[in-house]
Amino acid sequence: MKTSGFFLKTIIAVLVMSIFAVTSYAQKKKVPLQEVVFSVNLHCENCVKKVQENIPFEKGVKDLKVSLDEKTVWVKYDSGKTTKEKLAAAIEKLGYEVLGEVKKE
């Protein structure tokens, strides 16, 4: 008889803990995604390919567009995981100069 009471209390305790865990997880605030456009000294399609194959693997990167015609790299990223400065450094690590940030109009 005593063991069934123990198991019942254990099950109730696990259920209560699970409810609190799920509730706290659901209440975590999501950081809004940010966008940045860099002016980069891209020369050819191989430059574009190199950026497209490497930058998506940077922590926090959610989307990427590279334009050879405009010589720009557009990145959508999670600002809770990375910064504009880290993204610019990652592009420069590939051997390209980041000339600056293109401001939105």
C-alpha atoms as a PDB file:
ATOM      1  CA  MET A   1       0.000   0.000   0.000  1.00  0.00           C
ATOM      2  CA  LYS A   2       2.766   2.439   0.869  1.00  0.00           C
ATOM      3  CA  THR A   3       4.501   1.943  -2.499  1.00  0.00           C
ATOM      4  CA  SER A   4       1.380   2.894  -4.480  1.00  0.00           C
ATOM      5  CA  GLY A   5       1.181   6.180  -2.514  1.00  0.00           C
ATOM      6  CA  PHE A   6       4.855   6.834  -3.245  1.00  0.00           C
ATOM      7  CA  PHE A   7       4.369   6.222  -6.970  1.00  0.00           C
ATOM      8  CA  LEU A   8       1.303   8.450  -7.049  1.00  0.00           C
ATOM      9  CA  LYS A   9       3.202  11.277  -5.340  1.00  0.00           C
ATOM     10  CA  THR A  10       6.135  10.780  -7.708  1.00  0.00           C
ATOM     11  CA  ILE A  11       3.884  10.915 -10.776  1.00  0.00           C
ATOM     12  CA  ILE A  12       2.176  14.076  -9.517  1.00  0.00           C
ATOM     13  CA  ALA A  13       5.546  15.703  -8.804  1.00  0.00           C
ATOM     14  CA  VAL A  14       6.818  14.866 -12.309  1.00  0.00           C
ATOM     15  CA  LEU A  15       3.647  16.248 -13.899  1.00  0.00           C
ATOM     16  CA  VAL A  16       3.869  19.491 -11.922  1.00  0.00           C
ATOM     17  CA  MET A  17       7.554  19.921 -12.837  1.00  0.00           C
ATOM     18  CA  SER A  18       6.754  19.241 -16.498  1.00  0.00           C
ATOM     19  CA  ILE A  19       4.043  21.885 -16.527  1.00  0.00           C
ATOM     20  CA  PHE A  20       6.426  24.483 -15.065  1.00  0.00           C
ATOM     21  CA  ALA A  21       9.152  23.534 -17.559  1.00  0.00           C
ATOM     22  CA  VAL A  22       6.829  23.843 -20.554  1.00  0.00           C
ATOM     23  CA  THR A  23       5.396  27.131 -19.293  1.00  0.00           C
ATOM     24  CA  SER A  24       8.801  28.716 -18.714  1.00  0.00           C
ATOM     25  CA  TYR A  25      10.025  27.533 -22.121  1.00  0.00           C
ATOM     26  CA  ALA A  26       6.971  29.028 -23.832  1.00  0.00           C
ATOM     27  CA  GLN A  27       7.434  32.332 -22.006  1.00  0.00           C
ATOM     28  CA  LYS A  28      10.997  32.883 -23.204  1.00  0.00           C
ATOM     29  CA  LYS A  29      11.009  35.991 -25.323  1.00  0.00           C
ATOM     30  CA  LYS A  30      12.061  35.506 -28.889  1.00  0.00           C
ATOM     31  CA  VAL A  31      14.560  38.071 -30.067  1.00  0.00           C
ATOM     32  CA  PRO A  32      13.378  39.614 -33.335  1.00  0.00           C
ATOM     33  CA  LEU A  33      15.474  38.915 -36.399  1.00  0.00           C
ATOM     34  CA  GLN A  34      17.641  41.755 -37.675  1.00  0.00           C
ATOM     35  CA  GLU A  35      18.808  42.574 -41.191  1.00  0.00           C
ATOM     36  CA  VAL A  36      22.011  44.144 -42.415  1.00  0.00           C
ATOM     37  CA  VAL A  37      23.348  44.923 -45.890  1.00  0.00           C
ATOM     38  CA  PHE A  38      27.101  45.166 -46.332  1.00  0.00           C
ATOM     39  CA  SER A  39      28.941  46.720 -49.245  1.00  0.00           C
ATOM     40  CA  VAL A  40      31.644  44.168 -50.082  1.00  0.00           C
ATOM     41  CA  ASN A  41      34.426  44.131 -52.685  1.00  0.00           C
ATOM     42  CA  LEU A  42      33.098  41.125 -54.641  1.00  0.00           C
ATOM     43  CA  HIS A  43      34.830  40.592 -57.989  1.00  0.00           C
ATOM     44  CA  CYS A  44      33.308  37.520 -59.626  1.00  0.00           C
ATOM     45  CA  GLU A  45      30.864  34.629 -59.339  1.00  0.00           C
ATOM     46  CA  ASN A  46      33.454  32.652 -57.359  1.00  0.00           C
ATOM     47  CA  CYS A  47      33.413  35.402 -54.721  1.00  0.00           C
ATOM     48  CA  VAL A  48      29.633  35.139 -54.533  1.00  0.00           C
ATOM     49  CA  LYS A  49      29.816  31.357 -54.277  1.00  0.00           C
ATOM     50  CA  LYS A  50      32.426  31.503 -51.510  1.00  0.00           C
ATOM     51  CA  VAL A  51      30.263  33.860 -49.421  1.00  0.00           C
ATOM     52  CA  GLN A  52      27.106  31.810 -50.097  1.00  0.00           C
ATOM     53  CA  GLU A  53      28.831  28.588 -49.038  1.00  0.00           C
ATOM     54  CA  ASN A  54      30.346  29.922 -45.812  1.00  0.00           C
ATOM     55  CA  ILE A  55      28.313  32.703 -44.200  1.00  0.00           C
ATOM     56  CA  PRO A  56      25.115  30.620 -43.695  1.00  0.00           C
ATOM     57  CA  PHE A  57      27.096  28.491 -41.244  1.00  0.00           C
ATOM     58  CA  GLU A  58      27.856  31.467 -39.004  1.00  0.00           C
ATOM     59  CA  LYS A  59      25.969  31.302 -35.726  1.00  0.00           C
ATOM     60  CA  GLY A  60      22.613  33.115 -35.885  1.00  0.00           C
ATOM     61  CA  VAL A  61      22.405  33.521 -39.669  1.00  0.00           C
ATOM     62  CA  LYS A  62      18.869  32.818 -40.884  1.00  0.00           C
ATOM     63  CA  ASP A  63      18.976  34.041 -44.499  1.00  0.00           C
ATOM     64  CA  LEU A  64      21.517  35.397 -46.968  1.00  0.00           C
ATOM     65  CA  LYS A  65      21.475  37.114 -50.365  1.00  0.00           C
ATOM     66  CA  VAL A  66      24.587  38.054 -52.277  1.00  0.00           C
ATOM     67  CA  SER A  67      24.533  40.417 -55.273  1.00  0.00           C
ATOM     68  CA  LEU A  68      27.544  40.661 -57.553  1.00  0.00           C
ATOM     69  CA  ASP A  69      25.947  43.498 -59.557  1.00  0.00           C
ATOM     70  CA  GLU A  70      25.392  45.636 -56.467  1.00  0.00           C
ATOM     71  CA  LYS A  71      28.403  44.194 -54.608  1.00  0.00           C
ATOM     72  CA  THR A  72      26.296  43.635 -51.505  1.00  0.00           C
ATOM     73  CA  VAL A  73      25.729  40.915 -48.943  1.00  0.00           C
ATOM     74  CA  TRP A  74      22.321  40.955 -47.224  1.00  0.00           C
ATOM     75  CA  VAL A  75      22.028  38.927 -44.017  1.00  0.00           C
ATOM     76  CA  LYS A  76      19.015  38.218 -41.816  1.00  0.00           C
ATOM     77  CA  TYR A  77      20.249  37.114 -38.403  1.00  0.00           C
ATOM     78  CA  ASP A  78      19.256  36.396 -34.821  1.00  0.00           C
ATOM     79  CA  SER A  79      20.642  39.309 -32.806  1.00  0.00           C
ATOM     80  CA  GLY A  80      20.642  37.127 -29.704  1.00  0.00           C
ATOM     81  CA  LYS A  81      23.305  34.928 -31.285  1.00  0.00           C
ATOM     82  CA  THR A  82      25.474  37.287 -33.345  1.00  0.00           C
ATOM     83  CA  THR A  83      26.139  40.923 -34.221  1.00  0.00           C
ATOM     84  CA  LYS A  84      26.732  42.982 -37.356  1.00  0.00           C
ATOM     85  CA  GLU A  85      30.372  43.270 -36.359  1.00  0.00           C
ATOM     86  CA  LYS A  86      30.800  39.487 -36.115  1.00  0.00           C
ATOM     87  CA  LEU A  87      29.131  39.000 -39.489  1.00  0.00           C
ATOM     88  CA  ALA A  88      31.382  41.623 -41.093  1.00  0.00           C
ATOM     89  CA  ALA A  89      34.416  39.916 -39.542  1.00  0.00           C
ATOM     90  CA  ALA A  90      33.269  36.554 -40.943  1.00  0.00           C
ATOM     91  CA  ILE A  91      33.071  38.037 -44.450  1.00  0.00           C
ATOM     92  CA  GLU A  92      36.504  39.614 -44.047  1.00  0.00           C
ATOM     93  CA  LYS A  93      37.895  36.295 -42.835  1.00  0.00           C
ATOM     94  CA  LEU A  94      36.976  34.917 -46.272  1.00  0.00           C
ATOM     95  CA  GLY A  95      39.301  37.509 -47.819  1.00  0.00           C
ATOM     96  CA  TYR A  96      36.839  40.251 -48.793  1.00  0.00           C
ATOM     97  CA  GLU A  97      36.843  43.822 -47.578  1.00  0.00           C
ATOM     98  CA  VAL A  98      33.604  45.021 -46.016  1.00  0.00           C
ATOM     99  CA  LEU A  99      33.423  48.620 -47.197  1.00  0.00           C
ATOM    100  CA  GLY A 100      30.563  49.541 -44.902  1.00  0.00           C
ATOM    101  CA  GLU A 101      26.945  49.044 -44.100  1.00  0.00           C
ATOM    102  CA  VAL A 102      24.363  50.073 -46.690  1.00  0.00           C
ATOM    103  CA  LYS A 103      21.672  52.081 -44.918  1.00  0.00           C
ATOM    104  CA  LYS A 104      18.007  51.449 -45.742  1.00  0.00           C
ATOM    105  CA  GLU A 105      16.083  54.334 -47.236  1.00  0.00           C
END
